[in-house]
N, C-alpha and C. Protein backbone atom coordinates (compact mmCIF):
# COMPACT_ATOMS: atom_id res chain seq x y z
N MET A 1 0.84 -1.16 0.00
CA MET A 1 0.00 0.00 0.00
C MET A 1 0.89 1.24 0.00
N GLY A 2 0.52 2.26 -0.77
CA GLY A 2 1.32 3.45 -0.91
C GLY A 2 1.16 4.41 0.25
N TYR A 3 2.07 5.34 0.35
CA TYR A 3 2.07 6.36 1.38
C TYR A 3 1.01 7.41 1.06
N VAL A 4 0.21 7.80 2.03
CA VAL A 4 -0.80 8.83 1.87
C VAL A 4 -0.36 10.05 2.66
N ASP A 5 -0.22 11.17 1.99
CA ASP A 5 0.18 12.41 2.63
C ASP A 5 -1.07 13.11 3.17
N TYR A 6 -1.46 12.76 4.40
CA TYR A 6 -2.68 13.30 4.99
C TYR A 6 -2.60 14.80 5.22
N SER A 7 -1.43 15.33 5.46
CA SER A 7 -1.32 16.77 5.67
C SER A 7 -1.66 17.53 4.39
N ARG A 8 -1.21 17.01 3.25
CA ARG A 8 -1.54 17.65 1.97
C ARG A 8 -3.03 17.53 1.69
N LEU A 9 -3.60 16.37 1.98
CA LEU A 9 -5.02 16.16 1.77
C LEU A 9 -5.84 17.11 2.64
N PHE A 10 -5.43 17.30 3.90
CA PHE A 10 -6.13 18.20 4.81
C PHE A 10 -6.08 19.64 4.30
N VAL A 11 -4.91 20.08 3.85
CA VAL A 11 -4.76 21.44 3.35
C VAL A 11 -5.62 21.63 2.11
N THR A 12 -5.62 20.65 1.20
CA THR A 12 -6.44 20.74 -0.01
C THR A 12 -7.92 20.79 0.36
N ALA A 13 -8.34 19.93 1.27
CA ALA A 13 -9.74 19.91 1.70
C ALA A 13 -10.14 21.23 2.33
N ALA A 14 -9.28 21.77 3.17
CA ALA A 14 -9.57 23.05 3.82
C ALA A 14 -9.69 24.17 2.78
N SER A 15 -8.84 24.14 1.76
CA SER A 15 -8.90 25.15 0.70
C SER A 15 -10.22 25.09 -0.04
N PHE A 16 -10.63 23.87 -0.42
CA PHE A 16 -11.89 23.73 -1.13
C PHE A 16 -13.06 24.12 -0.24
N ALA A 17 -13.03 23.74 1.02
CA ALA A 17 -14.11 24.08 1.94
C ALA A 17 -14.22 25.60 2.10
N ALA A 18 -13.09 26.28 2.18
CA ALA A 18 -13.11 27.73 2.29
C ALA A 18 -13.69 28.37 1.04
N LEU A 19 -13.35 27.83 -0.12
CA LEU A 19 -13.89 28.37 -1.36
C LEU A 19 -15.41 28.19 -1.43
N ALA A 20 -15.90 27.09 -0.91
CA ALA A 20 -17.33 26.79 -1.02
C ALA A 20 -18.14 27.28 0.18
N SER A 21 -17.53 28.04 1.06
CA SER A 21 -18.22 28.43 2.29
C SER A 21 -19.07 29.69 2.15
N THR A 22 -19.01 30.37 1.02
CA THR A 22 -19.80 31.58 0.87
C THR A 22 -21.13 31.27 0.23
N ALA A 23 -22.03 32.22 0.28
CA ALA A 23 -23.38 32.02 -0.26
C ALA A 23 -23.50 32.57 -1.67
N ASN A 24 -22.42 32.58 -2.44
CA ASN A 24 -22.44 33.13 -3.78
C ASN A 24 -22.72 32.10 -4.86
N ALA A 25 -23.08 30.89 -4.48
CA ALA A 25 -23.32 29.83 -5.46
C ALA A 25 -24.61 30.10 -6.22
N GLU A 26 -24.56 29.82 -7.53
CA GLU A 26 -25.73 29.95 -8.39
C GLU A 26 -25.97 28.63 -9.10
N PRO A 27 -27.21 28.32 -9.43
CA PRO A 27 -27.48 27.07 -10.15
C PRO A 27 -26.69 26.99 -11.45
N TYR A 28 -26.11 25.82 -11.70
CA TYR A 28 -25.35 25.60 -12.93
C TYR A 28 -26.34 25.36 -14.06
N GLN A 29 -26.33 26.20 -15.07
CA GLN A 29 -27.36 26.18 -16.10
C GLN A 29 -26.84 25.76 -17.46
N LYS A 30 -25.95 24.80 -17.49
CA LYS A 30 -25.48 24.25 -18.76
C LYS A 30 -25.80 22.76 -18.78
N PHE A 31 -26.06 22.27 -19.98
CA PHE A 31 -26.28 20.84 -20.17
C PHE A 31 -24.94 20.17 -20.43
N GLY A 32 -24.78 18.93 -19.99
CA GLY A 32 -23.54 18.23 -20.25
C GLY A 32 -23.41 16.97 -19.42
N VAL A 33 -22.19 16.49 -19.37
CA VAL A 33 -21.86 15.26 -18.66
C VAL A 33 -20.65 15.53 -17.78
N VAL A 34 -20.67 14.97 -16.58
CA VAL A 34 -19.53 15.04 -15.66
C VAL A 34 -19.13 13.61 -15.33
N ASN A 35 -17.89 13.25 -15.64
CA ASN A 35 -17.33 11.93 -15.30
C ASN A 35 -16.28 12.15 -14.22
N CYS A 36 -16.46 11.49 -13.06
CA CYS A 36 -15.52 11.64 -11.96
C CYS A 36 -14.96 10.28 -11.56
N ALA A 37 -13.70 10.29 -11.14
CA ALA A 37 -13.06 9.04 -10.71
C ALA A 37 -12.05 9.31 -9.62
N LEU A 38 -11.97 8.36 -8.72
CA LEU A 38 -10.92 8.27 -7.72
C LEU A 38 -10.69 6.78 -7.53
N PRO A 39 -9.60 6.37 -6.94
CA PRO A 39 -9.33 4.93 -6.85
C PRO A 39 -10.51 4.15 -6.25
N GLY A 40 -11.00 3.20 -7.01
CA GLY A 40 -12.10 2.35 -6.57
C GLY A 40 -13.48 2.93 -6.77
N THR A 41 -13.58 4.14 -7.31
CA THR A 41 -14.88 4.80 -7.45
C THR A 41 -14.96 5.53 -8.78
N THR A 42 -16.09 5.38 -9.46
CA THR A 42 -16.42 6.21 -10.62
C THR A 42 -17.88 6.62 -10.49
N ILE A 43 -18.17 7.83 -10.94
CA ILE A 43 -19.55 8.31 -10.96
C ILE A 43 -19.71 9.23 -12.16
N GLU A 44 -20.81 9.07 -12.86
CA GLU A 44 -21.10 9.88 -14.04
C GLU A 44 -22.43 10.59 -13.82
N PHE A 45 -22.44 11.90 -14.10
CA PHE A 45 -23.63 12.72 -13.95
C PHE A 45 -24.04 13.28 -15.30
N SER A 46 -25.32 13.52 -15.44
CA SER A 46 -25.87 14.25 -16.57
C SER A 46 -26.36 15.58 -16.03
N LEU A 47 -25.76 16.68 -16.48
CA LEU A 47 -26.18 18.01 -16.04
C LEU A 47 -27.48 18.37 -16.73
N ASN A 48 -28.51 18.76 -15.97
CA ASN A 48 -29.82 18.99 -16.57
C ASN A 48 -30.10 20.43 -16.99
N GLY A 49 -29.15 21.33 -16.80
CA GLY A 49 -29.30 22.71 -17.25
C GLY A 49 -30.14 23.59 -16.35
N SER A 50 -30.63 23.05 -15.25
CA SER A 50 -31.44 23.86 -14.34
C SER A 50 -31.01 23.67 -12.88
N GLY A 51 -29.71 23.57 -12.68
CA GLY A 51 -29.18 23.47 -11.32
C GLY A 51 -29.20 22.07 -10.74
N GLY A 52 -29.26 21.07 -11.59
CA GLY A 52 -29.27 19.69 -11.11
C GLY A 52 -28.33 18.81 -11.90
N ALA A 53 -27.97 17.69 -11.29
CA ALA A 53 -27.10 16.69 -11.93
C ALA A 53 -27.67 15.31 -11.60
N ASP A 54 -28.07 14.58 -12.63
CA ASP A 54 -28.65 13.26 -12.44
C ASP A 54 -27.55 12.21 -12.50
N VAL A 55 -27.53 11.28 -11.53
CA VAL A 55 -26.54 10.20 -11.54
C VAL A 55 -26.90 9.26 -12.69
N ALA A 56 -25.99 9.13 -13.66
CA ALA A 56 -26.21 8.25 -14.80
C ALA A 56 -25.66 6.85 -14.52
N SER A 57 -24.52 6.79 -13.85
CA SER A 57 -23.93 5.51 -13.46
C SER A 57 -22.93 5.74 -12.34
N SER A 58 -22.71 4.68 -11.56
CA SER A 58 -21.74 4.78 -10.48
C SER A 58 -21.29 3.40 -10.07
N SER A 59 -20.07 3.34 -9.55
CA SER A 59 -19.56 2.12 -8.92
C SER A 59 -18.51 2.56 -7.90
N SER A 60 -18.48 1.84 -6.77
CA SER A 60 -17.54 2.22 -5.73
C SER A 60 -17.29 1.03 -4.80
N ASN A 61 -16.04 0.95 -4.32
CA ASN A 61 -15.73 -0.05 -3.29
C ASN A 61 -15.84 0.56 -1.89
N PHE A 62 -16.35 1.79 -1.80
CA PHE A 62 -16.50 2.51 -0.55
C PHE A 62 -18.00 2.65 -0.25
N ALA A 63 -18.48 1.92 0.76
CA ALA A 63 -19.92 1.83 1.05
C ALA A 63 -20.61 3.19 1.21
N PRO A 64 -20.03 4.18 1.92
CA PRO A 64 -20.72 5.47 2.04
C PRO A 64 -20.93 6.15 0.68
N PHE A 65 -19.99 5.95 -0.25
CA PHE A 65 -20.17 6.57 -1.56
C PHE A 65 -21.23 5.82 -2.38
N ARG A 66 -21.29 4.50 -2.24
CA ARG A 66 -22.36 3.74 -2.91
C ARG A 66 -23.72 4.23 -2.42
N GLU A 67 -23.82 4.45 -1.12
CA GLU A 67 -25.07 4.95 -0.54
C GLU A 67 -25.39 6.35 -1.07
N ALA A 68 -24.39 7.20 -1.15
CA ALA A 68 -24.59 8.57 -1.65
C ALA A 68 -25.10 8.57 -3.08
N ALA A 69 -24.62 7.65 -3.91
CA ALA A 69 -25.01 7.60 -5.32
C ALA A 69 -26.44 7.10 -5.51
N ARG A 70 -27.05 6.59 -4.45
CA ARG A 70 -28.45 6.17 -4.55
C ARG A 70 -29.39 7.38 -4.69
N VAL A 71 -28.92 8.55 -4.27
CA VAL A 71 -29.67 9.79 -4.51
C VAL A 71 -29.48 10.10 -5.99
N LYS A 72 -30.54 10.03 -6.75
CA LYS A 72 -30.42 10.10 -8.21
C LYS A 72 -30.27 11.51 -8.76
N THR A 73 -30.75 12.53 -8.07
CA THR A 73 -30.59 13.90 -8.55
C THR A 73 -29.89 14.72 -7.47
N TRP A 74 -28.74 15.28 -7.84
CA TRP A 74 -27.93 16.11 -6.95
C TRP A 74 -28.10 17.57 -7.39
N SER A 75 -27.85 18.50 -6.49
CA SER A 75 -27.83 19.91 -6.87
C SER A 75 -26.52 20.18 -7.60
N ALA A 76 -26.56 21.09 -8.54
CA ALA A 76 -25.36 21.50 -9.30
C ALA A 76 -25.30 23.02 -9.27
N ASN A 77 -24.28 23.54 -8.59
CA ASN A 77 -24.12 24.98 -8.47
C ASN A 77 -22.72 25.37 -8.89
N VAL A 78 -22.57 26.61 -9.30
CA VAL A 78 -21.26 27.13 -9.65
C VAL A 78 -21.00 28.33 -8.75
N GLU A 79 -19.75 28.44 -8.33
CA GLU A 79 -19.35 29.54 -7.48
C GLU A 79 -18.01 30.07 -7.95
N VAL A 80 -17.84 31.38 -7.91
CA VAL A 80 -16.58 32.01 -8.26
C VAL A 80 -16.08 32.77 -7.05
N LYS A 81 -14.85 32.46 -6.65
CA LYS A 81 -14.26 33.19 -5.53
C LYS A 81 -12.78 33.39 -5.83
N ASP A 82 -12.34 34.62 -5.77
CA ASP A 82 -10.94 34.97 -6.04
C ASP A 82 -10.48 34.42 -7.38
N GLY A 83 -11.35 34.48 -8.38
CA GLY A 83 -11.00 34.04 -9.73
C GLY A 83 -11.06 32.54 -9.95
N THR A 84 -11.41 31.76 -8.93
CA THR A 84 -11.50 30.31 -9.07
C THR A 84 -12.97 29.92 -9.21
N ARG A 85 -13.28 29.18 -10.29
CA ARG A 85 -14.64 28.69 -10.51
C ARG A 85 -14.75 27.26 -10.00
N LEU A 86 -15.78 27.00 -9.22
CA LEU A 86 -16.05 25.66 -8.70
C LEU A 86 -17.42 25.21 -9.17
N LEU A 87 -17.49 23.99 -9.65
CA LEU A 87 -18.77 23.33 -9.88
C LEU A 87 -19.00 22.46 -8.65
N ILE A 88 -20.11 22.67 -7.96
CA ILE A 88 -20.38 21.97 -6.71
C ILE A 88 -21.58 21.05 -6.92
N LEU A 89 -21.34 19.75 -6.83
CA LEU A 89 -22.39 18.75 -6.93
C LEU A 89 -22.67 18.24 -5.52
N ASP A 90 -23.91 18.28 -5.08
CA ASP A 90 -24.25 17.95 -3.70
C ASP A 90 -25.51 17.11 -3.69
N ASN A 91 -25.46 15.96 -3.00
CA ASN A 91 -26.66 15.11 -2.93
C ASN A 91 -27.59 15.54 -1.79
N LEU A 92 -27.21 16.57 -1.05
CA LEU A 92 -27.99 17.13 0.06
C LEU A 92 -28.21 16.12 1.18
N LYS A 93 -27.34 15.08 1.20
CA LYS A 93 -27.38 14.08 2.27
C LYS A 93 -25.94 13.74 2.67
N ASN A 94 -25.16 14.78 2.95
CA ASN A 94 -23.79 14.63 3.46
C ASN A 94 -22.75 14.20 2.43
N THR A 95 -23.01 14.35 1.15
CA THR A 95 -21.98 14.07 0.15
C THR A 95 -21.91 15.22 -0.83
N ARG A 96 -20.70 15.68 -1.07
CA ARG A 96 -20.47 16.81 -1.96
C ARG A 96 -19.21 16.56 -2.77
N ILE A 97 -19.27 16.91 -4.05
CA ILE A 97 -18.09 16.89 -4.93
C ILE A 97 -17.89 18.31 -5.42
N MET A 98 -16.70 18.85 -5.16
CA MET A 98 -16.37 20.21 -5.61
C MET A 98 -15.28 20.11 -6.65
N ILE A 99 -15.57 20.65 -7.84
CA ILE A 99 -14.69 20.50 -9.00
C ILE A 99 -14.21 21.88 -9.43
N ARG A 100 -12.90 22.04 -9.47
CA ARG A 100 -12.32 23.30 -9.95
C ARG A 100 -12.41 23.31 -11.47
N LEU A 101 -12.94 24.39 -12.02
CA LEU A 101 -13.05 24.52 -13.47
C LEU A 101 -11.96 25.42 -14.00
N PRO A 102 -11.37 25.14 -15.12
CA PRO A 102 -11.73 24.09 -16.06
C PRO A 102 -10.91 22.80 -15.93
N ASP A 103 -9.98 22.72 -14.96
CA ASP A 103 -9.05 21.59 -14.96
C ASP A 103 -9.62 20.29 -14.39
N GLY A 104 -10.76 20.34 -13.69
CA GLY A 104 -11.41 19.12 -13.21
C GLY A 104 -10.86 18.54 -11.93
N LYS A 105 -9.88 19.20 -11.32
CA LYS A 105 -9.38 18.70 -10.04
C LYS A 105 -10.39 19.04 -8.96
N GLY A 106 -10.59 18.11 -8.03
CA GLY A 106 -11.60 18.37 -7.03
C GLY A 106 -11.43 17.56 -5.78
N MET A 107 -12.43 17.70 -4.92
CA MET A 107 -12.50 16.98 -3.66
C MET A 107 -13.88 16.38 -3.54
N ALA A 108 -13.92 15.16 -3.01
CA ALA A 108 -15.19 14.50 -2.72
C ALA A 108 -15.29 14.36 -1.20
N PHE A 109 -16.40 14.78 -0.64
CA PHE A 109 -16.64 14.71 0.79
C PHE A 109 -17.85 13.80 1.01
N THR A 110 -17.70 12.80 1.89
CA THR A 110 -18.80 11.92 2.24
C THR A 110 -18.86 11.80 3.76
N GLY A 111 -19.95 12.25 4.35
CA GLY A 111 -20.09 12.19 5.80
C GLY A 111 -19.14 13.15 6.49
N ALA A 112 -18.94 12.92 7.75
CA ALA A 112 -18.12 13.81 8.56
C ALA A 112 -16.64 13.60 8.36
N ASP A 113 -16.22 12.39 7.97
CA ASP A 113 -14.78 12.13 7.91
C ASP A 113 -14.28 11.56 6.59
N GLY A 114 -15.13 11.38 5.61
CA GLY A 114 -14.69 10.84 4.34
C GLY A 114 -14.36 11.95 3.35
N VAL A 115 -13.09 12.06 2.98
CA VAL A 115 -12.66 13.08 2.02
C VAL A 115 -11.58 12.48 1.13
N SER A 116 -11.61 12.84 -0.14
CA SER A 116 -10.61 12.32 -1.06
C SER A 116 -10.44 13.27 -2.23
N ASP A 117 -9.23 13.27 -2.80
CA ASP A 117 -9.03 13.93 -4.08
C ASP A 117 -9.87 13.19 -5.11
N ILE A 118 -10.35 13.89 -6.12
CA ILE A 118 -11.12 13.29 -7.19
C ILE A 118 -10.80 14.05 -8.47
N LEU A 119 -10.82 13.36 -9.58
CA LEU A 119 -10.57 14.00 -10.87
C LEU A 119 -11.81 13.85 -11.72
N CYS A 120 -12.28 14.95 -12.29
CA CYS A 120 -13.51 14.94 -13.06
C CYS A 120 -13.29 15.58 -14.43
N GLN A 121 -13.99 15.06 -15.39
CA GLN A 121 -14.01 15.64 -16.73
C GLN A 121 -15.41 16.23 -16.90
N VAL A 122 -15.49 17.53 -17.19
CA VAL A 122 -16.76 18.21 -17.35
C VAL A 122 -16.92 18.55 -18.82
N LEU A 123 -17.87 17.89 -19.47
CA LEU A 123 -18.15 18.13 -20.89
C LEU A 123 -19.49 18.83 -20.98
N ILE A 124 -19.49 20.06 -21.50
CA ILE A 124 -20.74 20.83 -21.55
C ILE A 124 -21.08 21.19 -22.99
N GLN A 125 -22.35 21.49 -23.17
CA GLN A 125 -22.82 21.97 -24.46
C GLN A 125 -22.26 23.38 -24.67
N PRO A 126 -21.66 23.64 -25.85
CA PRO A 126 -21.09 24.97 -26.06
C PRO A 126 -22.17 26.04 -26.10
N ASP A 127 -21.78 27.27 -25.72
CA ASP A 127 -22.72 28.39 -25.74
C ASP A 127 -23.09 28.76 -27.16
């Protein structure tokens, strides 16, 4: 098993949490697909263009994330803070994925203590 740098993970999580802590989020109003992956977990969303993201498919070896994916429609909001755009997908039941746009780097939070780096590809309908 590889070495996990928990201090780096904590700093990254704190940074994302600070970015998402303001009330400036607005519904994400673009249609598209979001594919996210982390070791042992994949989840694909369909963005519905009205502030929601429908779970299209998911698989995970982590039980709390499998449970989270049972919520079929998540909220999809975008927030801009200090020039950083975040797409925030939230199942409104203790699971949130925050994706930095446009590079797709993000954090997945499940429950009070589950946090992980996650990489997402966000494909949207062009304007």
